[in-house]
Amino acid sequence: MSPLMINKLSLEDLPRTREILYQLCGIAGLEWHNYLCSDARDKGIYIDKCENPKGCMIVYRGSNVFIKTSSNSMLKEFIEVLDKREEHSFRCLPWIVPMIKAHFKPMKSGEEGVILLTYYVDRAMFKKHITLGYLPEKLSEDSAEEIKTHAREGPDTEFITRRIRANSFYGIFDGGRLISWVGTLWESDDACEVGLAYTQKEYRCKGLGKTLLSIVTGRVLDKGKTPILHTIGGNIPAIKACEAVGYRLGARE
């Protein structure tokens, strides 16, 4: 029987996992390191035993799983670690999906995955954008319910209110009506996720989202942190907006 290729890191190893995760997962590594360090709930990090690791699996809150490897044999070991009775939500490279589906049934009947794109920007790539005729401003807690209305199954109103209190949301009003907004979802020592962007339908294609994205991104960069954002492969308007501000693709899962 061949020796195991992976082992589980202890929580005491977390401080040194940042560089390992960034090396393996790029921008996504900063995101997962933030989750692991900020939440004490059930978690696990599995990594190959090589001096220079080539694969890892993160289990967050017991059911959210992130897998990055180019090895079939290592992937099989990762899958064997997971409880087959548990419902899991996976983030992984597209080539891994068939093996995942062969071992785990979808959480809902007919449920399919999406291509998740992770974009990032640094100071050198950043392009400031301004839309004339509109005045962006920091949002108050009064806007939390409106933002939640368009967030679908995203964060609840309490979460959005906390982010507004952290001065992380900017918006544009027209006649007292909130018509466009962008905020941030989390912030670590290294990075910050920009998200919950929305523009009311009749105000789209005016550059409002790009202006707000530019403001929020600039604030993150001013703190010396890396702004990242997620969108799905088919969301062309979001992709065009973030690329116009200087974001580039960092991961495709």
C-alpha atoms as a PDB file:
ATOM      1  CA  MET A   1       0.000   0.000   0.000  1.00  0.00           C
ATOM      2  CA  SER A   2       1.467   3.385  -1.005  1.00  0.00           C
ATOM      3  CA  PRO A   3       2.055   5.977   1.744  1.00  0.00           C
ATOM      4  CA  LEU A   4      -0.470   8.801   2.165  1.00  0.00           C
ATOM      5  CA  MET A   5       0.311  11.935   0.199  1.00  0.00           C
ATOM      6  CA  ILE A   6      -1.496  14.345   2.541  1.00  0.00           C
ATOM      7  CA  ASN A   7      -1.674  15.265   6.194  1.00  0.00           C
ATOM      8  CA  LYS A   8      -3.887  17.527   8.284  1.00  0.00           C
ATOM      9  CA  LEU A   9      -2.442  20.719   9.733  1.00  0.00           C
ATOM     10  CA  SER A  10      -3.312  21.684  13.280  1.00  0.00           C
ATOM     11  CA  LEU A  11      -4.774  25.054  14.267  1.00  0.00           C
ATOM     12  CA  GLU A  12      -1.351  25.927  15.670  1.00  0.00           C
ATOM     13  CA  ASP A  13      -0.073  25.796  12.068  1.00  0.00           C
ATOM     14  CA  LEU A  14      -2.442  28.533  10.898  1.00  0.00           C
ATOM     15  CA  PRO A  15       0.047  31.427  11.181  1.00  0.00           C
ATOM     16  CA  ARG A  16       2.400  29.762   8.714  1.00  0.00           C
ATOM     17  CA  THR A  17      -0.286  28.660   6.262  1.00  0.00           C
ATOM     18  CA  ARG A  18      -0.750  32.102   4.702  1.00  0.00           C
ATOM     19  CA  GLU A  19       2.267  31.826   2.410  1.00  0.00           C
ATOM     20  CA  ILE A  20       1.493  28.182   1.606  1.00  0.00           C
ATOM     21  CA  LEU A  21      -2.100  29.009   0.645  1.00  0.00           C
ATOM     22  CA  TYR A  22      -1.037  32.040  -1.388  1.00  0.00           C
ATOM     23  CA  GLN A  23       1.578  29.963  -3.188  1.00  0.00           C
ATOM     24  CA  LEU A  24      -0.969  27.261  -4.032  1.00  0.00           C
ATOM     25  CA  CYS A  25      -4.167  29.246  -4.519  1.00  0.00           C
ATOM     26  CA  GLY A  26      -3.092  32.785  -5.364  1.00  0.00           C
ATOM     27  CA  ILE A  27      -5.677  35.430  -4.472  1.00  0.00           C
ATOM     28  CA  ALA A  28      -8.118  32.757  -3.274  1.00  0.00           C
ATOM     29  CA  GLY A  29      -5.487  31.781  -0.675  1.00  0.00           C
ATOM     30  CA  LEU A  30      -5.770  35.202   0.999  1.00  0.00           C
ATOM     31  CA  GLU A  31      -9.542  34.789   1.144  1.00  0.00           C
ATOM     32  CA  TRP A  32      -9.483  31.314   2.700  1.00  0.00           C
ATOM     33  CA  HIS A  33      -6.756  32.258   5.167  1.00  0.00           C
ATOM     34  CA  ASN A  34      -8.998  35.087   6.366  1.00  0.00           C
ATOM     35  CA  TYR A  35     -11.924  32.713   6.866  1.00  0.00           C
ATOM     36  CA  LEU A  36      -9.809  30.219   8.779  1.00  0.00           C
ATOM     37  CA  CYS A  37      -8.280  32.839  11.077  1.00  0.00           C
ATOM     38  CA  SER A  38     -11.512  34.725  11.796  1.00  0.00           C
ATOM     39  CA  ASP A  39     -13.915  31.857  12.503  1.00  0.00           C
ATOM     40  CA  ALA A  40     -13.388  29.276  15.241  1.00  0.00           C
ATOM     41  CA  ARG A  41     -16.002  26.847  13.951  1.00  0.00           C
ATOM     42  CA  ASP A  42     -15.191  23.427  12.517  1.00  0.00           C
ATOM     43  CA  LYS A  43     -12.313  23.649  10.052  1.00  0.00           C
ATOM     44  CA  GLY A  44      -9.518  21.582   8.591  1.00  0.00           C
ATOM     45  CA  ILE A  45      -6.550  22.119   6.298  1.00  0.00           C
ATOM     46  CA  TYR A  46      -5.130  19.166   4.396  1.00  0.00           C
ATOM     47  CA  ILE A  47      -1.935  19.570   2.433  1.00  0.00           C
ATOM     48  CA  ASP A  48       0.504  17.335   0.623  1.00  0.00           C
ATOM     49  CA  LYS A  49       3.674  16.311   2.416  1.00  0.00           C
ATOM     50  CA  CYS A  50       6.165  17.694  -0.108  1.00  0.00           C
ATOM     51  CA  GLU A  51       8.607  20.396   0.946  1.00  0.00           C
ATOM     52  CA  ASN A  52       6.979  22.582  -1.701  1.00  0.00           C
ATOM     53  CA  PRO A  53       3.272  21.610  -1.502  1.00  0.00           C
ATOM     54  CA  LYS A  54       1.367  21.185  -4.751  1.00  0.00           C
ATOM     55  CA  GLY A  55      -2.129  20.708  -3.413  1.00  0.00           C
ATOM     56  CA  CYS A  56      -4.426  21.511  -0.502  1.00  0.00           C
ATOM     57  CA  MET A  57      -7.983  21.067   0.727  1.00  0.00           C
ATOM     58  CA  ILE A  58      -9.711  23.408   3.165  1.00  0.00           C
ATOM     59  CA  VAL A  59     -12.844  22.328   5.015  1.00  0.00           C
ATOM     60  CA  TYR A  60     -14.607  25.351   6.475  1.00  0.00           C
ATOM     61  CA  ARG A  61     -17.528  25.102   8.906  1.00  0.00           C
ATOM     62  CA  GLY A  62     -17.589  21.384   8.287  1.00  0.00           C
ATOM     63  CA  SER A  63     -19.263  21.537   4.864  1.00  0.00           C
ATOM     64  CA  ASN A  64     -17.725  24.285   2.702  1.00  0.00           C
ATOM     65  CA  VAL A  65     -14.814  22.711   0.864  1.00  0.00           C
ATOM     66  CA  PHE A  66     -12.070  24.281  -1.248  1.00  0.00           C
ATOM     67  CA  ILE A  67      -9.792  21.955  -3.255  1.00  0.00           C
ATOM     68  CA  LYS A  68      -6.735  22.889  -5.298  1.00  0.00           C
ATOM     69  CA  THR A  69      -4.552  20.186  -6.844  1.00  0.00           C
ATOM     70  CA  SER A  70      -3.402  18.949 -10.246  1.00  0.00           C
ATOM     71  CA  SER A  71      -2.970  15.349  -9.056  1.00  0.00           C
ATOM     72  CA  ASN A  72      -5.662  12.676  -9.486  1.00  0.00           C
ATOM     73  CA  SER A  73      -4.193  10.534  -6.708  1.00  0.00           C
ATOM     74  CA  MET A  74      -4.054  13.479  -4.289  1.00  0.00           C
ATOM     75  CA  LEU A  75      -7.632  14.417  -5.174  1.00  0.00           C
ATOM     76  CA  LYS A  76      -8.763  10.874  -4.336  1.00  0.00           C
ATOM     77  CA  GLU A  77      -7.136  11.164  -0.907  1.00  0.00           C
ATOM     78  CA  PHE A  78      -8.827  14.506  -0.293  1.00  0.00           C
ATOM     79  CA  ILE A  79     -12.216  13.020  -1.190  1.00  0.00           C
ATOM     80  CA  GLU A  80     -11.655  10.032   1.097  1.00  0.00           C
ATOM     81  CA  VAL A  81     -11.189  12.416   4.049  1.00  0.00           C
ATOM     82  CA  LEU A  82     -14.686  13.907   3.605  1.00  0.00           C
ATOM     83  CA  ASP A  83     -17.742  12.460   5.321  1.00  0.00           C
ATOM     84  CA  LYS A  84     -19.987  10.959   2.637  1.00  0.00           C
ATOM     85  CA  ARG A  85     -23.029  11.537   4.861  1.00  0.00           C
ATOM     86  CA  GLU A  86     -22.426  15.294   4.964  1.00  0.00           C
ATOM     87  CA  GLU A  87     -23.810  17.748   2.424  1.00  0.00           C
ATOM     88  CA  HIS A  88     -20.853  19.684   1.017  1.00  0.00           C
ATOM     89  CA  SER A  89     -20.530  22.832  -1.021  1.00  0.00           C
ATOM     90  CA  PHE A  90     -17.390  22.759  -3.188  1.00  0.00           C
ATOM     91  CA  ARG A  91     -15.069  25.301  -4.746  1.00  0.00           C
ATOM     92  CA  CYS A  92     -12.543  23.675  -7.041  1.00  0.00           C
ATOM     93  CA  LEU A  93     -10.939  23.781 -10.470  1.00  0.00           C
ATOM     94  CA  PRO A  94     -13.295  22.749 -13.326  1.00  0.00           C
ATOM     95  CA  TRP A  95     -11.429  19.494 -14.085  1.00  0.00           C
ATOM     96  CA  ILE A  96     -12.117  18.257 -10.533  1.00  0.00           C
ATOM     97  CA  VAL A  97     -15.910  18.550 -10.862  1.00  0.00           C
ATOM     98  CA  PRO A  98     -16.630  15.138 -12.487  1.00  0.00           C
ATOM     99  CA  MET A  99     -14.880  13.262  -9.681  1.00  0.00           C
ATOM    100  CA  ILE A 100     -16.691  15.323  -7.043  1.00  0.00           C
ATOM    101  CA  LYS A 101     -20.049  14.575  -8.674  1.00  0.00           C
ATOM    102  CA  ALA A 102     -19.200  10.875  -8.792  1.00  0.00           C
ATOM    103  CA  HIS A 103     -18.766  10.787  -4.999  1.00  0.00           C
ATOM    104  CA  PHE A 104     -21.282  13.363  -3.719  1.00  0.00           C
ATOM    105  CA  LYS A 105     -24.880  13.979  -4.734  1.00  0.00           C
ATOM    106  CA  PRO A 106     -25.967  17.615  -5.284  1.00  0.00           C
ATOM    107  CA  MET A 107     -27.397  19.335  -2.203  1.00  0.00           C
ATOM    108  CA  LYS A 108     -30.613  19.950  -4.168  1.00  0.00           C
ATOM    109  CA  SER A 109     -32.129  17.942  -6.992  1.00  0.00           C
ATOM    110  CA  GLY A 110     -30.860  19.195 -10.336  1.00  0.00           C
ATOM    111  CA  GLU A 111     -28.418  21.630  -8.748  1.00  0.00           C
ATOM    112  CA  GLU A 112     -25.456  22.559 -10.917  1.00  0.00           C
ATOM    113  CA  GLY A 113     -22.346  24.584 -10.292  1.00  0.00           C
ATOM    114  CA  VAL A 114     -21.170  27.847 -11.837  1.00  0.00           C
ATOM    115  CA  ILE A 115     -17.800  29.138 -12.974  1.00  0.00           C
ATOM    116  CA  LEU A 116     -16.638  31.486 -10.210  1.00  0.00           C
ATOM    117  CA  LEU A 117     -14.143  34.150 -11.268  1.00  0.00           C
ATOM    118  CA  THR A 118     -11.918  35.888  -8.709  1.00  0.00           C
ATOM    119  CA  TYR A 119     -10.497  39.260  -9.758  1.00  0.00           C
ATOM    120  CA  TYR A 120      -7.895  41.421  -8.014  1.00  0.00           C
ATOM    121  CA  VAL A 121      -6.128  44.740  -8.531  1.00  0.00           C
ATOM    122  CA  ASP A 122      -3.032  46.483  -7.187  1.00  0.00           C
ATOM    123  CA  ARG A 123      -2.002  50.127  -7.128  1.00  0.00           C
ATOM    124  CA  ALA A 124      -0.127  49.918 -10.438  1.00  0.00           C
ATOM    125  CA  MET A 125      -3.125  48.398 -12.262  1.00  0.00           C
ATOM    126  CA  PHE A 126      -5.793  50.608 -10.658  1.00  0.00           C
ATOM    127  CA  LYS A 127      -7.715  53.013 -12.932  1.00  0.00           C
ATOM    128  CA  LYS A 128      -9.812  55.708 -11.257  1.00  0.00           C
ATOM    129  CA  HIS A 129     -13.266  56.268 -12.748  1.00  0.00           C
ATOM    130  CA  ILE A 130     -15.639  59.217 -12.263  1.00  0.00           C
ATOM    131  CA  THR A 131     -19.177  59.704 -13.617  1.00  0.00           C
ATOM    132  CA  LEU A 132     -20.047  63.391 -13.905  1.00  0.00           C
ATOM    133  CA  GLY A 133     -23.407  64.579 -12.620  1.00  0.00           C
ATOM    134  CA  TYR A 134     -23.669  62.149  -9.714  1.00  0.00           C
ATOM    135  CA  LEU A 135     -22.326  62.564  -6.175  1.00  0.00           C
ATOM    136  CA  PRO A 136     -21.195  59.355  -4.434  1.00  0.00           C
ATOM    137  CA  GLU A 137     -21.482  59.318  -0.632  1.00  0.00           C
ATOM    138  CA  LYS A 138     -21.008  57.015   2.337  1.00  0.00           C
ATOM    139  CA  LEU A 139     -24.166  55.117   3.135  1.00  0.00           C
ATOM    140  CA  SER A 140     -25.947  55.175   6.480  1.00  0.00           C
ATOM    141  CA  GLU A 141     -27.648  52.286   8.239  1.00  0.00           C
ATOM    142  CA  ASP A 142     -30.964  53.434   6.726  1.00  0.00           C
ATOM    143  CA  SER A 143     -29.837  51.883   3.431  1.00  0.00           C
ATOM    144  CA  ALA A 144     -29.276  48.357   4.823  1.00  0.00           C
ATOM    145  CA  GLU A 145     -32.792  47.101   4.109  1.00  0.00           C
ATOM    146  CA  GLU A 146     -32.740  48.360   0.517  1.00  0.00           C
ATOM    147  CA  ILE A 147     -29.393  46.637  -0.103  1.00  0.00           C
ATOM    148  CA  LYS A 148     -30.700  43.402   1.420  1.00  0.00           C
ATOM    149  CA  THR A 149     -33.725  43.493  -0.889  1.00  0.00           C
ATOM    150  CA  HIS A 150     -31.423  43.003  -3.872  1.00  0.00           C
ATOM    151  CA  ALA A 151     -28.918  40.664  -2.196  1.00  0.00           C
ATOM    152  CA  ARG A 152     -31.168  37.607  -2.694  1.00  0.00           C
ATOM    153  CA  GLU A 153     -29.695  34.748  -0.640  1.00  0.00           C
ATOM    154  CA  GLY A 154     -26.680  36.810   0.413  1.00  0.00           C
ATOM    155  CA  PRO A 155     -25.852  38.376   3.804  1.00  0.00           C
ATOM    156  CA  ASP A 156     -28.675  39.345   6.136  1.00  0.00           C
ATOM    157  CA  THR A 157     -29.605  42.915   7.065  1.00  0.00           C
ATOM    158  CA  GLU A 158     -27.620  42.774  10.316  1.00  0.00           C
ATOM    159  CA  PHE A 159     -24.441  41.819   8.444  1.00  0.00           C
ATOM    160  CA  ILE A 160     -24.938  44.637   5.921  1.00  0.00           C
ATOM    161  CA  THR A 161     -25.571  47.098   8.754  1.00  0.00           C
ATOM    162  CA  ARG A 162     -22.270  46.121  10.395  1.00  0.00           C
ATOM    163  CA  ARG A 163     -20.417  46.658   7.130  1.00  0.00           C
ATOM    164  CA  ILE A 164     -22.057  50.083   6.730  1.00  0.00           C
ATOM    165  CA  ARG A 165     -20.944  50.984  10.261  1.00  0.00           C
ATOM    166  CA  ALA A 166     -17.408  50.084   9.176  1.00  0.00           C
ATOM    167  CA  ASN A 167     -17.713  52.828   6.499  1.00  0.00           C
ATOM    168  CA  SER A 168     -17.382  50.215   3.781  1.00  0.00           C
ATOM    169  CA  PHE A 169     -20.443  51.071   1.646  1.00  0.00           C
ATOM    170  CA  TYR A 170     -20.769  53.917  -0.853  1.00  0.00           C
ATOM    171  CA  GLY A 171     -23.828  54.777  -2.903  1.00  0.00           C
ATOM    172  CA  ILE A 172     -25.419  57.267  -5.261  1.00  0.00           C
ATOM    173  CA  PHE A 173     -28.854  58.830  -4.769  1.00  0.00           C
ATOM    174  CA  ASP A 174     -31.221  60.439  -7.260  1.00  0.00           C
ATOM    175  CA  GLY A 175     -34.012  62.507  -5.730  1.00  0.00           C
ATOM    176  CA  GLY A 176     -33.518  60.793  -2.383  1.00  0.00           C
ATOM    177  CA  ARG A 177     -33.706  57.321  -3.925  1.00  0.00           C
ATOM    178  CA  LEU A 178     -30.706  54.982  -3.594  1.00  0.00           C
ATOM    179  CA  ILE A 179     -29.911  53.981  -7.181  1.00  0.00           C
ATOM    180  CA  SER A 180     -26.454  52.358  -7.014  1.00  0.00           C
ATOM    181  CA  TRP A 181     -24.117  50.986  -4.348  1.00  0.00           C
ATOM    182  CA  VAL A 182     -20.926  49.007  -3.725  1.00  0.00           C
ATOM    183  CA  GLY A 183     -19.490  47.753  -0.427  1.00  0.00           C
ATOM    184  CA  THR A 184     -17.080  45.272   1.109  1.00  0.00           C
ATOM    185  CA  LEU A 185     -17.826  41.890   2.682  1.00  0.00           C
ATOM    186  CA  TRP A 186     -14.752  41.201   4.803  1.00  0.00           C
ATOM    187  CA  GLU A 187     -11.342  42.680   5.512  1.00  0.00           C
ATOM    188  CA  SER A 188      -8.152  41.034   6.733  1.00  0.00           C
ATOM    189  CA  ASP A 189      -4.611  42.282   7.292  1.00  0.00           C
ATOM    190  CA  ASP A 190      -3.820  41.507   3.643  1.00  0.00           C
ATOM    191  CA  ALA A 191      -6.968  41.751   1.552  1.00  0.00           C
ATOM    192  CA  CYS A 192     -10.560  42.936   1.334  1.00  0.00           C
ATOM    193  CA  GLU A 193     -13.453  41.541  -0.709  1.00  0.00           C
ATOM    194  CA  VAL A 194     -15.491  44.091  -2.641  1.00  0.00           C
ATOM    195  CA  GLY A 195     -19.062  43.023  -3.277  1.00  0.00           C
ATOM    196  CA  LEU A 196     -22.837  43.469  -3.063  1.00  0.00           C
ATOM    197  CA  ALA A 197     -22.645  45.845  -6.023  1.00  0.00           C
ATOM    198  CA  TYR A 198     -25.984  46.797  -7.561  1.00  0.00           C
ATOM    199  CA  THR A 199     -27.458  49.505  -9.792  1.00  0.00           C
ATOM    200  CA  GLN A 200     -31.187  49.991 -10.272  1.00  0.00           C
ATOM    201  CA  LYS A 201     -32.205  48.803 -13.729  1.00  0.00           C
ATOM    202  CA  GLU A 202     -33.154  52.166 -15.235  1.00  0.00           C
ATOM    203  CA  TYR A 203     -29.795  53.687 -14.208  1.00  0.00           C
ATOM    204  CA  ARG A 204     -27.506  51.081 -15.708  1.00  0.00           C
ATOM    205  CA  CYS A 205     -24.945  51.731 -18.478  1.00  0.00           C
ATOM    206  CA  LYS A 206     -24.178  55.191 -17.048  1.00  0.00           C
ATOM    207  CA  GLY A 207     -20.924  54.229 -15.313  1.00  0.00           C
ATOM    208  CA  LEU A 208     -22.328  54.539 -11.777  1.00  0.00           C
ATOM    209  CA  GLY A 209     -21.150  51.090 -10.712  1.00  0.00           C
ATOM    210  CA  LYS A 210     -17.662  51.750 -12.069  1.00  0.00           C
ATOM    211  CA  THR A 211     -17.486  55.043 -10.154  1.00  0.00           C
ATOM    212  CA  LEU A 212     -18.466  53.405  -6.859  1.00  0.00           C
ATOM    213  CA  LEU A 213     -16.206  50.416  -7.488  1.00  0.00           C
ATOM    214  CA  SER A 214     -13.368  52.872  -8.111  1.00  0.00           C
ATOM    215  CA  ILE A 215     -14.012  54.670  -4.804  1.00  0.00           C
ATOM    216  CA  VAL A 216     -14.247  51.513  -2.676  1.00  0.00           C
ATOM    217  CA  THR A 217     -11.244  49.934  -4.414  1.00  0.00           C
ATOM    218  CA  GLY A 218      -9.175  53.073  -3.883  1.00  0.00           C
ATOM    219  CA  ARG A 219      -9.975  53.041  -0.160  1.00  0.00           C
ATOM    220  CA  VAL A 220      -8.820  49.429   0.139  1.00  0.00           C
ATOM    221  CA  LEU A 221      -5.590  50.174  -1.738  1.00  0.00           C
ATOM    222  CA  ASP A 222      -4.959  53.207   0.482  1.00  0.00           C
ATOM    223  CA  LYS A 223      -4.869  50.794   3.433  1.00  0.00           C
ATOM    224  CA  GLY A 224      -2.133  48.785   1.712  1.00  0.00           C
ATOM    225  CA  LYS A 225      -4.447  45.825   1.107  1.00  0.00           C
ATOM    226  CA  THR A 226      -5.391  43.825  -2.002  1.00  0.00           C
ATOM    227  CA  PRO A 227      -8.973  44.334  -3.226  1.00  0.00           C
ATOM    228  CA  ILE A 228     -10.577  41.178  -4.606  1.00  0.00           C
ATOM    229  CA  LEU A 229     -14.040  40.481  -5.971  1.00  0.00           C
ATOM    230  CA  HIS A 230     -16.043  37.536  -7.222  1.00  0.00           C
ATOM    231  CA  THR A 231     -18.394  37.246 -10.152  1.00  0.00           C
ATOM    232  CA  ILE A 232     -19.725  34.383 -12.230  1.00  0.00           C
ATOM    233  CA  GLY A 233     -18.535  33.612 -15.726  1.00  0.00           C
ATOM    234  CA  GLY A 234     -21.691  34.836 -17.465  1.00  0.00           C
ATOM    235  CA  ASN A 235     -21.946  38.206 -15.714  1.00  0.00           C
ATOM    236  CA  ILE A 236     -20.480  40.263 -18.570  1.00  0.00           C
ATOM    237  CA  PRO A 237     -21.476  43.721 -17.194  1.00  0.00           C
ATOM    238  CA  ALA A 238     -19.697  43.009 -13.886  1.00  0.00           C
ATOM    239  CA  ILE A 239     -16.619  41.673 -15.683  1.00  0.00           C
ATOM    240  CA  LYS A 240     -16.432  44.754 -17.921  1.00  0.00           C
ATOM    241  CA  ALA A 241     -16.873  47.092 -14.947  1.00  0.00           C
ATOM    242  CA  CYS A 242     -14.125  45.563 -12.838  1.00  0.00           C
ATOM    243  CA  GLU A 243     -11.730  45.310 -15.789  1.00  0.00           C
ATOM    244  CA  ALA A 244     -12.367  49.004 -16.559  1.00  0.00           C
ATOM    245  CA  VAL A 245     -11.148  49.845 -13.042  1.00  0.00           C
ATOM    246  CA  GLY A 246      -8.025  47.738 -13.550  1.00  0.00           C
ATOM    247  CA  TYR A 247      -8.980  44.376 -12.031  1.00  0.00           C
ATOM    248  CA  ARG A 248      -7.533  41.267 -13.655  1.00  0.00           C
ATOM    249  CA  LEU A 249      -8.499  37.601 -13.378  1.00  0.00           C
ATOM    250  CA  GLY A 250      -6.721  35.810 -10.536  1.00  0.00           C
ATOM    251  CA  ALA A 251      -8.587  32.485 -10.257  1.00  0.00           C
ATOM    252  CA  ARG A 252     -11.190  30.474 -12.150  1.00  0.00           C
ATOM    253  CA  GLU A 253     -13.051  27.813 -10.150  1.00  0.00           C
END
